[in-house]
Amino acid sequence: DKIDPENLAKNSAAIAVVAWALAEMPEPLP
């Protein structure tokens, strides 16, 4: 009940985009 829905949505979007980027990047992060 303490979850901030807006913060959760931003975190979820950011994690999804970062995961997508890491999967699609031609080279892994150093």
PDB file of all heavy atoms in Angstrom:
ATOM      1  N   ASP A   1       0.814  -1.216   0.000  1.00  0.00           N
ATOM      2  CA  ASP A   1       0.000   0.000   0.000  1.00  0.00           C
ATOM      3  C   ASP A   1       0.848   1.268   0.000  1.00  0.00           C
ATOM      4  O   ASP A   1       0.329   2.355  -0.239  1.00  0.00           O
ATOM      5  CB  ASP A   1      -0.970   0.011   1.187  1.00  0.00           C
ATOM      6  CG  ASP A   1      -0.265  -0.006   2.522  1.00  0.00           C
ATOM      7  OD1 ASP A   1       0.593  -0.898   2.727  1.00  0.00           O
ATOM      8  OD2 ASP A   1      -0.575   0.851   3.362  1.00  0.00           O
ATOM      9  N   LYS A   2       2.140   1.150   0.232  1.00  0.00           N
ATOM     10  CA  LYS A   2       3.032   2.317   0.235  1.00  0.00           C
ATOM     11  C   LYS A   2       3.623   2.601  -1.149  1.00  0.00           C
ATOM     12  O   LYS A   2       4.329   3.579  -1.332  1.00  0.00           O
ATOM     13  CB  LYS A   2       4.200   2.111   1.216  1.00  0.00           C
ATOM     14  CG  LYS A   2       3.806   1.727   2.627  1.00  0.00           C
ATOM     15  CD  LYS A   2       2.927   2.747   3.307  1.00  0.00           C
ATOM     16  CE  LYS A   2       2.701   2.457   4.773  1.00  0.00           C
ATOM     17  NZ  LYS A   2       2.273   1.118   5.134  1.00  0.00           N
ATOM     18  N   ILE A   3       3.339   1.748  -2.110  1.00  0.00           N
ATOM     19  CA  ILE A   3       3.894   1.927  -3.454  1.00  0.00           C
ATOM     20  C   ILE A   3       3.314   3.173  -4.099  1.00  0.00           C
ATOM     21  O   ILE A   3       2.094   3.384  -4.106  1.00  0.00           O
ATOM     22  CB  ILE A   3       3.609   0.692  -4.330  1.00  0.00           C
ATOM     23  CG1 ILE A   3       4.406  -0.503  -3.802  1.00  0.00           C
ATOM     24  CG2 ILE A   3       3.946   0.969  -5.790  1.00  0.00           C
ATOM     25  CD1 ILE A   3       4.089  -1.803  -4.494  1.00  0.00           C
ATOM     26  N   ASP A   4       4.180   3.995  -4.645  1.00  0.00           N
ATOM     27  CA  ASP A   4       3.775   5.178  -5.398  1.00  0.00           C
ATOM     28  C   ASP A   4       3.583   4.728  -6.851  1.00  0.00           C
ATOM     29  O   ASP A   4       4.565   4.388  -7.525  1.00  0.00           O
ATOM     30  CB  ASP A   4       4.867   6.244  -5.301  1.00  0.00           C
ATOM     31  CG  ASP A   4       4.596   7.475  -6.132  1.00  0.00           C
ATOM     32  OD1 ASP A   4       3.708   7.449  -7.012  1.00  0.00           O
ATOM     33  OD2 ASP A   4       5.312   8.476  -5.928  1.00  0.00           O
ATOM     34  N   PRO A   5       2.343   4.700  -7.354  1.00  0.00           N
ATOM     35  CA  PRO A   5       2.088   4.181  -8.707  1.00  0.00           C
ATOM     36  C   PRO A   5       2.887   4.900  -9.800  1.00  0.00           C
ATOM     37  O   PRO A   5       3.363   4.266 -10.735  1.00  0.00           O
ATOM     38  CB  PRO A   5       0.586   4.389  -8.900  1.00  0.00           C
ATOM     39  CG  PRO A   5       0.026   4.460  -7.518  1.00  0.00           C
ATOM     40  CD  PRO A   5       1.113   5.092  -6.679  1.00  0.00           C
ATOM     41  N   GLU A   6       3.053   6.205  -9.679  1.00  0.00           N
ATOM     42  CA  GLU A   6       3.808   6.949 -10.692  1.00  0.00           C
ATOM     43  C   GLU A   6       5.283   6.540 -10.672  1.00  0.00           C
ATOM     44  O   GLU A   6       5.900   6.331 -11.715  1.00  0.00           O
ATOM     45  CB  GLU A   6       3.679   8.455 -10.471  1.00  0.00           C
ATOM     46  CG  GLU A   6       4.410   9.264 -11.532  1.00  0.00           C
ATOM     47  CD  GLU A   6       4.262  10.756 -11.357  1.00  0.00           C
ATOM     48  OE1 GLU A   6       3.445  11.203 -10.533  1.00  0.00           O
ATOM     49  OE2 GLU A   6       4.986  11.483 -12.053  1.00  0.00           O
ATOM     50  N   ASN A   7       5.853   6.422  -9.471  1.00  0.00           N
ATOM     51  CA  ASN A   7       7.246   6.015  -9.359  1.00  0.00           C
ATOM     52  C   ASN A   7       7.439   4.587  -9.866  1.00  0.00           C
ATOM     53  O   ASN A   7       8.416   4.284 -10.558  1.00  0.00           O
ATOM     54  CB  ASN A   7       7.710   6.155  -7.907  1.00  0.00           C
ATOM     55  CG  ASN A   7       9.207   6.182  -7.766  1.00  0.00           C
ATOM     56  OD1 ASN A   7       9.945   6.349  -8.727  1.00  0.00           O
ATOM     57  ND2 ASN A   7       9.673   6.006  -6.549  1.00  0.00           N
ATOM     58  N   LEU A   8       6.490   3.702  -9.552  1.00  0.00           N
ATOM     59  CA  LEU A   8       6.548   2.327 -10.034  1.00  0.00           C
ATOM     60  C   LEU A   8       6.496   2.290 -11.562  1.00  0.00           C
ATOM     61  O   LEU A   8       7.235   1.540 -12.203  1.00  0.00           O
ATOM     62  CB  LEU A   8       5.409   1.500  -9.439  1.00  0.00           C
ATOM     63  CG  LEU A   8       5.327   0.048  -9.916  1.00  0.00           C
ATOM     64  CD1 LEU A   8       6.579  -0.738  -9.559  1.00  0.00           C
ATOM     65  CD2 LEU A   8       4.086  -0.618  -9.321  1.00  0.00           C
ATOM     66  N   ALA A   9       5.623   3.090 -12.158  1.00  0.00           N
ATOM     67  CA  ALA A   9       5.499   3.130 -13.617  1.00  0.00           C
ATOM     68  C   ALA A   9       6.795   3.630 -14.255  1.00  0.00           C
ATOM     69  O   ALA A   9       7.259   3.077 -15.261  1.00  0.00           O
ATOM     70  CB  ALA A   9       4.320   4.018 -14.023  1.00  0.00           C
ATOM     71  N   LYS A  10       7.401   4.669 -13.675  1.00  0.00           N
ATOM     72  CA  LYS A  10       8.668   5.190 -14.207  1.00  0.00           C
ATOM     73  C   LYS A  10       9.778   4.148 -14.083  1.00  0.00           C
ATOM     74  O   LYS A  10      10.562   3.950 -15.012  1.00  0.00           O
ATOM     75  CB  LYS A  10       9.074   6.465 -13.479  1.00  0.00           C
ATOM     76  CG  LYS A  10       8.270   7.680 -13.862  1.00  0.00           C
ATOM     77  CD  LYS A  10       8.772   8.904 -13.131  1.00  0.00           C
ATOM     78  CE  LYS A  10       8.014  10.137 -13.497  1.00  0.00           C
ATOM     79  NZ  LYS A  10       8.547  11.345 -12.828  1.00  0.00           N
ATOM     80  N   ASN A  11       9.860   3.501 -12.927  1.00  0.00           N
ATOM     81  CA  ASN A  11      10.873   2.460 -12.734  1.00  0.00           C
ATOM     82  C   ASN A  11      10.676   1.334 -13.733  1.00  0.00           C
ATOM     83  O   ASN A  11      11.635   0.849 -14.334  1.00  0.00           O
ATOM     84  CB  ASN A  11      10.800   1.890 -11.315  1.00  0.00           C
ATOM     85  CG  ASN A  11      11.739   2.566 -10.370  1.00  0.00           C
ATOM     86  OD1 ASN A  11      12.928   2.587 -10.593  1.00  0.00           O
ATOM     87  ND2 ASN A  11      11.197   3.112  -9.305  1.00  0.00           N
ATOM     88  N   SER A  12       9.444   0.891 -13.903  1.00  0.00           N
ATOM     89  CA  SER A  12       9.155  -0.210 -14.823  1.00  0.00           C
ATOM     90  C   SER A  12       9.534   0.151 -16.254  1.00  0.00           C
ATOM     91  O   SER A  12      10.141  -0.653 -16.971  1.00  0.00           O
ATOM     92  CB  SER A  12       7.673  -0.581 -14.762  1.00  0.00           C
ATOM     93  OG  SER A  12       7.321  -0.980 -13.459  1.00  0.00           O
ATOM     94  N   ALA A  13       9.189   1.357 -16.664  1.00  0.00           N
ATOM     95  CA  ALA A  13       9.541   1.809 -18.014  1.00  0.00           C
ATOM     96  C   ALA A  13      11.056   1.887 -18.184  1.00  0.00           C
ATOM     97  O   ALA A  13      11.602   1.447 -19.200  1.00  0.00           O
ATOM     98  CB  ALA A  13       8.908   3.173 -18.289  1.00  0.00           C
ATOM     99  N   ALA A  14      11.734   2.432 -17.186  1.00  0.00           N
ATOM    100  CA  ALA A  14      13.183   2.572 -17.276  1.00  0.00           C
ATOM    101  C   ALA A  14      13.866   1.209 -17.329  1.00  0.00           C
ATOM    102  O   ALA A  14      14.779   0.989 -18.136  1.00  0.00           O
ATOM    103  CB  ALA A  14      13.703   3.383 -16.089  1.00  0.00           C
ATOM    104  N   ILE A  15      13.432   0.283 -16.503  1.00  0.00           N
ATOM    105  CA  ILE A  15      14.035  -1.056 -16.498  1.00  0.00           C
ATOM    106  C   ILE A  15      13.787  -1.752 -17.836  1.00  0.00           C
ATOM    107  O   ILE A  15      14.685  -2.387 -18.395  1.00  0.00           O
ATOM    108  CB  ILE A  15      13.511  -1.879 -15.313  1.00  0.00           C
ATOM    109  CG1 ILE A  15      14.064  -1.291 -14.007  1.00  0.00           C
ATOM    110  CG2 ILE A  15      13.885  -3.350 -15.450  1.00  0.00           C
ATOM    111  CD1 ILE A  15      13.408  -1.828 -12.753  1.00  0.00           C
ATOM    112  N   ALA A  16      12.585  -1.614 -18.372  1.00  0.00           N
ATOM    113  CA  ALA A  16      12.272  -2.234 -19.663  1.00  0.00           C
ATOM    114  C   ALA A  16      13.136  -1.648 -20.775  1.00  0.00           C
ATOM    115  O   ALA A  16      13.676  -2.390 -21.606  1.00  0.00           O
ATOM    116  CB  ALA A  16      10.788  -2.053 -19.984  1.00  0.00           C
ATOM    117  N   VAL A  17      13.297  -0.339 -20.800  1.00  0.00           N
ATOM    118  CA  VAL A  17      14.097   0.304 -21.847  1.00  0.00           C
ATOM    119  C   VAL A  17      15.570  -0.072 -21.703  1.00  0.00           C
ATOM    120  O   VAL A  17      16.240  -0.374 -22.690  1.00  0.00           O
ATOM    121  CB  VAL A  17      13.905   1.832 -21.826  1.00  0.00           C
ATOM    122  CG1 VAL A  17      14.924   2.542 -22.704  1.00  0.00           C
ATOM    123  CG2 VAL A  17      12.493   2.181 -22.290  1.00  0.00           C
ATOM    124  N   VAL A  18      16.084  -0.087 -20.483  1.00  0.00           N
ATOM    125  CA  VAL A  18      17.484  -0.468 -20.274  1.00  0.00           C
ATOM    126  C   VAL A  18      17.702  -1.926 -20.676  1.00  0.00           C
ATOM    127  O   VAL A  18      18.680  -2.257 -21.352  1.00  0.00           O
ATOM    128  CB  VAL A  18      17.925  -0.211 -18.817  1.00  0.00           C
ATOM    129  CG1 VAL A  18      19.283  -0.834 -18.535  1.00  0.00           C
ATOM    130  CG2 VAL A  18      17.980   1.292 -18.548  1.00  0.00           C
ATOM    131  N   ALA A  19      16.789  -2.810 -20.297  1.00  0.00           N
ATOM    132  CA  ALA A  19      16.915  -4.225 -20.677  1.00  0.00           C
ATOM    133  C   ALA A  19      16.885  -4.377 -22.201  1.00  0.00           C
ATOM    134  O   ALA A  19      17.684  -5.126 -22.779  1.00  0.00           O
ATOM    135  CB  ALA A  19      15.797  -5.043 -20.039  1.00  0.00           C
ATOM    136  N   TRP A  20      15.983  -3.660 -22.857  1.00  0.00           N
ATOM    137  CA  TRP A  20      15.905  -3.689 -24.314  1.00  0.00           C
ATOM    138  C   TRP A  20      17.206  -3.182 -24.926  1.00  0.00           C
ATOM    139  O   TRP A  20      17.769  -3.802 -25.835  1.00  0.00           O
ATOM    140  CB  TRP A  20      14.718  -2.847 -24.784  1.00  0.00           C
ATOM    141  CG  TRP A  20      14.719  -2.567 -26.258  1.00  0.00           C
ATOM    142  CD1 TRP A  20      14.340  -3.415 -27.259  1.00  0.00           C
ATOM    143  CD2 TRP A  20      15.149  -1.358 -26.891  1.00  0.00           C
ATOM    144  NE1 TRP A  20      14.503  -2.800 -28.474  1.00  0.00           N
ATOM    145  CE2 TRP A  20      15.001  -1.541 -28.274  1.00  0.00           C
ATOM    146  CE3 TRP A  20      15.640  -0.138 -26.417  1.00  0.00           C
ATOM    147  CZ2 TRP A  20      15.325  -0.543 -29.202  1.00  0.00           C
ATOM    148  CZ3 TRP A  20      15.965   0.841 -27.326  1.00  0.00           C
ATOM    149  CH2 TRP A  20      15.801   0.638 -28.703  1.00  0.00           C
ATOM    150  N   ALA A  21      17.711  -2.072 -24.426  1.00  0.00           N
ATOM    151  CA  ALA A  21      18.955  -1.502 -24.957  1.00  0.00           C
ATOM    152  C   ALA A  21      20.117  -2.471 -24.804  1.00  0.00           C
ATOM    153  O   ALA A  21      20.881  -2.699 -25.747  1.00  0.00           O
ATOM    154  CB  ALA A  21      19.262  -0.180 -24.244  1.00  0.00           C
ATOM    155  N   LEU A  22      20.256  -3.065 -23.623  1.00  0.00           N
ATOM    156  CA  LEU A  22      21.359  -3.994 -23.396  1.00  0.00           C
ATOM    157  C   LEU A  22      21.242  -5.221 -24.298  1.00  0.00           C
ATOM    158  O   LEU A  22      22.253  -5.753 -24.763  1.00  0.00           O
ATOM    159  CB  LEU A  22      21.408  -4.409 -21.924  1.00  0.00           C
ATOM    160  CG  LEU A  22      21.778  -3.296 -20.950  1.00  0.00           C
ATOM    161  CD1 LEU A  22      21.595  -3.767 -19.510  1.00  0.00           C
ATOM    162  CD2 LEU A  22      23.193  -2.785 -21.188  1.00  0.00           C
ATOM    163  N   ALA A  23      20.014  -5.665 -24.560  1.00  0.00           N
ATOM    164  CA  ALA A  23      19.817  -6.826 -25.430  1.00  0.00           C
ATOM    165  C   ALA A  23      20.103  -6.494 -26.893  1.00  0.00           C
ATOM    166  O   ALA A  23      20.575  -7.347 -27.644  1.00  0.00           O
ATOM    167  CB  ALA A  23      18.390  -7.346 -25.286  1.00  0.00           C
ATOM    168  N   GLU A  24      19.835  -5.258 -27.306  1.00  0.00           N
ATOM    169  CA  GLU A  24      19.976  -4.869 -28.709  1.00  0.00           C
ATOM    170  C   GLU A  24      21.340  -4.267 -29.053  1.00  0.00           C
ATOM    171  O   GLU A  24      21.689  -4.210 -30.233  1.00  0.00           O
ATOM    172  CB  GLU A  24      18.883  -3.875 -29.083  1.00  0.00           C
ATOM    173  CG  GLU A  24      17.495  -4.485 -29.065  1.00  0.00           C
ATOM    174  CD  GLU A  24      17.317  -5.564 -30.126  1.00  0.00           C
ATOM    175  OE1 GLU A  24      17.818  -5.412 -31.260  1.00  0.00           O
ATOM    176  OE2 GLU A  24      16.673  -6.583 -29.806  1.00  0.00           O
ATOM    177  N   MET A  25      22.092  -3.824 -28.068  1.00  0.00           N
ATOM    178  CA  MET A  25      23.401  -3.212 -28.341  1.00  0.00           C
ATOM    179  C   MET A  25      24.304  -4.233 -29.031  1.00  0.00           C
ATOM    180  O   MET A  25      24.323  -5.400 -28.653  1.00  0.00           O
ATOM    181  CB  MET A  25      24.059  -2.732 -27.038  1.00  0.00           C
ATOM    182  CG  MET A  25      23.382  -1.540 -26.423  1.00  0.00           C
ATOM    183  SD  MET A  25      24.006  -1.138 -24.766  1.00  0.00           S
ATOM    184  CE  MET A  25      25.721  -0.782 -25.108  1.00  0.00           C
ATOM    185  N   PRO A  26      25.059  -3.792 -30.051  1.00  0.00           N
ATOM    186  CA  PRO A  26      25.930  -4.742 -30.754  1.00  0.00           C
ATOM    187  C   PRO A  26      27.080  -5.268 -29.890  1.00  0.00           C
ATOM    188  O   PRO A  26      27.568  -6.362 -30.111  1.00  0.00           O
ATOM    189  CB  PRO A  26      26.453  -3.953 -31.952  1.00  0.00           C
ATOM    190  CG  PRO A  26      26.206  -2.531 -31.632  1.00  0.00           C
ATOM    191  CD  PRO A  26      25.076  -2.478 -30.647  1.00  0.00           C
ATOM    192  N   GLU A  27      27.489  -4.508 -28.920  1.00  0.00           N
ATOM    193  CA  GLU A  27      28.578  -4.901 -28.022  1.00  0.00           C
ATOM    194  C   GLU A  27      28.081  -4.842 -26.581  1.00  0.00           C
ATOM    195  O   GLU A  27      27.280  -3.973 -26.230  1.00  0.00           O
ATOM    196  CB  GLU A  27      29.769  -3.943 -28.167  1.00  0.00           C
ATOM    197  CG  GLU A  27      30.399  -3.954 -29.545  1.00  0.00           C
ATOM    198  CD  GLU A  27      31.118  -5.250 -29.845  1.00  0.00           C
ATOM    199  OE1 GLU A  27      31.689  -5.853 -28.913  1.00  0.00           O
ATOM    200  OE2 GLU A  27      31.085  -5.677 -31.011  1.00  0.00           O
ATOM    201  N   PRO A  28      28.563  -5.723 -25.714  1.00  0.00           N
ATOM    202  CA  PRO A  28      28.181  -5.627 -24.297  1.00  0.00           C
ATOM    203  C   PRO A  28      28.864  -4.428 -23.641  1.00  0.00           C
ATOM    204  O   PRO A  28      29.855  -3.903 -24.158  1.00  0.00           O
ATOM    205  CB  PRO A  28      28.692  -6.936 -23.697  1.00  0.00           C
ATOM    206  CG  PRO A  28      29.811  -7.344 -24.592  1.00  0.00           C
ATOM    207  CD  PRO A  28      29.452  -6.849 -25.971  1.00  0.00           C
ATOM    208  N   LEU A  29      28.326  -4.006 -22.519  1.00  0.00           N
ATOM    209  CA  LEU A  29      28.977  -2.936 -21.769  1.00  0.00           C
ATOM    210  C   LEU A  29      30.350  -3.418 -21.309  1.00  0.00           C
ATOM    211  O   LEU A  29      30.513  -4.594 -20.945  1.00  0.00           O
ATOM    212  CB  LEU A  29      28.143  -2.556 -20.542  1.00  0.00           C
ATOM    213  CG  LEU A  29      26.851  -1.816 -20.800  1.00  0.00           C
ATOM    214  CD1 LEU A  29      26.112  -1.580 -19.481  1.00  0.00           C
ATOM    215  CD2 LEU A  29      27.097  -0.493 -21.500  1.00  0.00           C
ATOM    216  N   PRO A  30      31.338  -2.524 -21.311  1.00  0.00           N
ATOM    217  CA  PRO A  30      32.654  -2.930 -20.820  1.00  0.00           C
ATOM    218  C   PRO A  30      32.611  -3.196 -19.320  1.00  0.00           C
ATOM    219  O   PRO A  30      31.848  -2.565 -18.592  1.00  0.00           O
ATOM    220  CB  PRO A  30      33.545  -1.731 -21.149  1.00  0.00           C
ATOM    221  CG  PRO A  30      32.621  -0.579 -21.307  1.00  0.00           C
ATOM    222  CD  PRO A  30      31.301  -1.139 -21.744  1.00  0.00           C
TER     223      PRO A  30
END
